[in-house]
């Protein structure tokens, strides 16, 4: 299977940046509450999950919903 081509990144708008910062705050809280010390994440399309508020929130939700947390 060939690797996905890198996705062209556009600068975030101030609104998107604010939403991303809120998502990261949620993830930091979920990490703190779950006791997770490390994790790995990636996307299928070569985009950066770290710059996508929905992806960051999904990881936070996954940590919160994990039975091991």
N, C-alpha and C. Protein backbone atom coordinates (compact mmCIF):
# COMPACT_ATOMS: atom_id res chain seq x y z
N UNK A 1 0.84 -1.17 0.00
CA UNK A 1 0.00 0.00 0.00
C UNK A 1 0.89 1.24 0.00
N UNK A 2 0.64 2.16 -0.88
CA UNK A 2 1.43 3.38 -0.99
C UNK A 2 1.04 4.37 0.11
N UNK A 3 2.01 5.15 0.53
CA UNK A 3 1.75 6.18 1.54
C UNK A 3 0.92 7.30 0.93
N UNK A 4 0.09 7.89 1.76
CA UNK A 4 -0.74 9.01 1.30
C UNK A 4 0.14 10.21 1.01
N UNK A 5 -0.24 10.98 0.00
CA UNK A 5 0.49 12.20 -0.33
C UNK A 5 0.24 13.23 0.76
N UNK A 6 1.24 14.01 1.11
CA UNK A 6 1.05 15.03 2.13
C UNK A 6 -0.07 16.00 1.75
N UNK A 7 -0.82 16.40 2.75
CA UNK A 7 -1.92 17.32 2.55
C UNK A 7 -1.39 18.75 2.67
N UNK A 8 -1.78 19.61 1.75
CA UNK A 8 -1.36 21.01 1.83
C UNK A 8 -2.05 21.67 3.01
N UNK A 9 -1.26 22.30 3.88
CA UNK A 9 -1.81 22.94 5.07
C UNK A 9 -2.06 24.40 4.82
N UNK A 10 -3.24 24.85 5.22
CA UNK A 10 -3.60 26.26 5.12
C UNK A 10 -3.49 26.86 6.52
N UNK A 11 -3.15 28.14 6.61
CA UNK A 11 -3.08 28.76 7.93
C UNK A 11 -4.45 28.74 8.60
N UNK A 12 -4.45 28.54 9.92
CA UNK A 12 -5.69 28.54 10.67
C UNK A 12 -6.20 29.97 10.86
N UNK A 13 -7.51 30.12 10.80
CA UNK A 13 -8.11 31.42 11.10
C UNK A 13 -8.05 31.63 12.61
N UNK A 14 -8.23 32.83 13.09
CA UNK A 14 -8.26 33.05 14.54
C UNK A 14 -9.33 32.19 15.24
N UNK A 15 -10.47 32.01 14.59
CA UNK A 15 -11.52 31.18 15.17
C UNK A 15 -11.08 29.73 15.26
N UNK A 16 -10.46 29.22 14.19
CA UNK A 16 -9.98 27.84 14.18
C UNK A 16 -8.88 27.64 15.22
N UNK A 17 -8.01 28.62 15.34
CA UNK A 17 -6.94 28.54 16.32
C UNK A 17 -7.51 28.51 17.73
N UNK A 18 -8.52 29.33 18.00
CA UNK A 18 -9.17 29.32 19.31
C UNK A 18 -9.82 27.97 19.61
N UNK A 19 -10.49 27.41 18.62
CA UNK A 19 -11.12 26.10 18.78
C UNK A 19 -10.08 25.02 19.03
N UNK A 20 -8.96 25.10 18.30
CA UNK A 20 -7.88 24.13 18.48
C UNK A 20 -7.29 24.24 19.88
N UNK A 21 -7.11 25.44 20.38
CA UNK A 21 -6.58 25.62 21.73
C UNK A 21 -7.53 25.04 22.77
N UNK A 22 -8.83 25.21 22.58
CA UNK A 22 -9.82 24.63 23.48
C UNK A 22 -9.77 23.10 23.43
N UNK A 23 -9.63 22.55 22.23
CA UNK A 23 -9.55 21.10 22.07
C UNK A 23 -8.32 20.55 22.78
N UNK A 24 -7.20 21.26 22.66
CA UNK A 24 -5.98 20.80 23.34
C UNK A 24 -6.14 20.87 24.86
N UNK A 25 -6.85 21.87 25.36
CA UNK A 25 -7.10 21.95 26.80
C UNK A 25 -7.93 20.74 27.24
N UNK A 26 -8.92 20.35 26.42
CA UNK A 26 -9.73 19.16 26.72
C UNK A 26 -8.86 17.91 26.72
N UNK A 27 -7.96 17.80 25.76
CA UNK A 27 -7.08 16.63 25.69
C UNK A 27 -6.14 16.58 26.89
N UNK A 28 -5.56 17.71 27.25
CA UNK A 28 -4.68 17.73 28.42
C UNK A 28 -5.43 17.27 29.67
N UNK A 29 -6.68 17.72 29.83
CA UNK A 29 -7.49 17.32 30.98
C UNK A 29 -7.79 15.82 30.93
N UNK A 30 -8.14 15.30 29.76
CA UNK A 30 -8.43 13.87 29.62
C UNK A 30 -7.19 13.03 29.93
N UNK A 31 -6.03 13.49 29.49
CA UNK A 31 -4.78 12.79 29.78
C UNK A 31 -4.54 12.77 31.28
N UNK A 32 -4.73 13.91 31.92
CA UNK A 32 -4.52 14.01 33.36
C UNK A 32 -5.46 13.06 34.11
N UNK A 33 -6.73 13.05 33.72
CA UNK A 33 -7.73 12.22 34.40
C UNK A 33 -7.52 10.73 34.14
N UNK A 34 -7.02 10.38 32.97
CA UNK A 34 -6.87 8.97 32.62
C UNK A 34 -5.58 8.36 33.13
N UNK A 35 -4.60 9.19 33.41
CA UNK A 35 -3.31 8.69 33.85
C UNK A 35 -2.43 8.21 32.71
N UNK A 36 -2.85 8.45 31.48
CA UNK A 36 -2.06 8.05 30.32
C UNK A 36 -0.74 8.83 30.34
N UNK A 37 0.34 8.12 30.07
CA UNK A 37 1.65 8.79 30.04
C UNK A 37 2.18 8.99 28.64
N UNK A 38 1.64 8.23 27.66
CA UNK A 38 2.03 8.43 26.27
C UNK A 38 1.02 7.76 25.36
N UNK A 39 0.97 8.20 24.12
CA UNK A 39 0.13 7.58 23.10
C UNK A 39 0.66 7.99 21.74
N UNK A 40 0.23 7.28 20.73
CA UNK A 40 0.57 7.60 19.34
C UNK A 40 -0.72 7.79 18.57
N UNK A 41 -0.68 8.68 17.61
CA UNK A 41 -1.84 8.91 16.76
C UNK A 41 -1.35 9.29 15.37
N UNK A 42 -2.16 8.96 14.37
CA UNK A 42 -1.84 9.34 13.00
C UNK A 42 -3.14 9.44 12.21
N UNK A 43 -3.03 9.98 11.03
CA UNK A 43 -4.20 10.09 10.15
C UNK A 43 -3.97 9.23 8.93
N UNK A 44 -5.02 8.96 8.23
CA UNK A 44 -4.91 8.15 7.02
C UNK A 44 -4.54 8.97 5.80
N UNK A 45 -4.76 10.27 5.87
CA UNK A 45 -4.55 11.09 4.68
C UNK A 45 -3.28 11.95 4.72
N UNK A 46 -2.46 11.77 5.74
CA UNK A 46 -1.21 12.52 5.81
C UNK A 46 -1.34 13.88 6.47
N UNK A 47 -2.56 14.25 6.86
CA UNK A 47 -2.74 15.53 7.55
C UNK A 47 -2.27 15.39 8.99
N UNK A 48 -2.10 16.50 9.67
CA UNK A 48 -1.64 16.48 11.05
C UNK A 48 -2.83 16.49 12.00
N UNK A 49 -3.01 15.43 12.77
CA UNK A 49 -4.13 15.39 13.71
C UNK A 49 -3.98 16.48 14.76
N UNK A 50 -2.74 16.85 15.04
CA UNK A 50 -2.47 17.86 16.06
C UNK A 50 -3.03 19.23 15.71
N UNK A 51 -3.31 19.46 14.44
CA UNK A 51 -3.82 20.75 13.98
C UNK A 51 -5.31 20.69 13.65
N UNK A 52 -5.97 19.59 14.00
CA UNK A 52 -7.39 19.42 13.70
C UNK A 52 -8.15 19.28 15.01
N UNK A 53 -8.96 20.29 15.35
CA UNK A 53 -9.68 20.29 16.63
C UNK A 53 -10.56 19.06 16.79
N UNK A 54 -11.21 18.61 15.72
CA UNK A 54 -12.06 17.43 15.82
C UNK A 54 -11.24 16.18 16.15
N UNK A 55 -10.07 16.06 15.57
CA UNK A 55 -9.21 14.91 15.85
C UNK A 55 -8.71 14.94 17.29
N UNK A 56 -8.31 16.10 17.75
CA UNK A 56 -7.82 16.25 19.12
C UNK A 56 -8.95 15.90 20.09
N UNK A 57 -10.15 16.38 19.81
CA UNK A 57 -11.30 16.08 20.67
C UNK A 57 -11.65 14.59 20.64
N UNK A 58 -11.50 13.96 19.49
CA UNK A 58 -11.79 12.54 19.39
C UNK A 58 -10.85 11.74 20.29
N UNK A 59 -9.59 12.10 20.29
CA UNK A 59 -8.62 11.41 21.15
C UNK A 59 -8.97 11.64 22.61
N UNK A 60 -9.34 12.87 22.96
CA UNK A 60 -9.73 13.16 24.34
C UNK A 60 -10.94 12.32 24.73
N UNK A 61 -11.92 12.23 23.86
CA UNK A 61 -13.13 11.44 24.13
C UNK A 61 -12.78 9.96 24.28
N UNK A 62 -11.88 9.48 23.44
CA UNK A 62 -11.46 8.08 23.52
C UNK A 62 -10.81 7.81 24.87
N UNK A 63 -9.97 8.70 25.33
CA UNK A 63 -9.32 8.51 26.65
C UNK A 63 -10.35 8.56 27.76
N UNK A 64 -11.29 9.48 27.69
CA UNK A 64 -12.32 9.58 28.74
C UNK A 64 -13.22 8.35 28.77
N UNK A 65 -13.52 7.79 27.59
CA UNK A 65 -14.44 6.66 27.49
C UNK A 65 -13.77 5.30 27.68
N UNK A 66 -12.46 5.29 27.78
CA UNK A 66 -11.73 4.03 27.90
C UNK A 66 -12.02 3.38 29.25
N UNK A 67 -12.36 2.10 29.25
CA UNK A 67 -12.63 1.42 30.53
C UNK A 67 -11.40 1.32 31.43
N UNK A 68 -10.23 1.40 30.84
CA UNK A 68 -9.01 1.32 31.63
C UNK A 68 -8.66 2.65 32.30
N UNK A 69 -9.35 3.73 31.87
CA UNK A 69 -9.02 5.06 32.40
C UNK A 69 -9.51 5.21 33.82
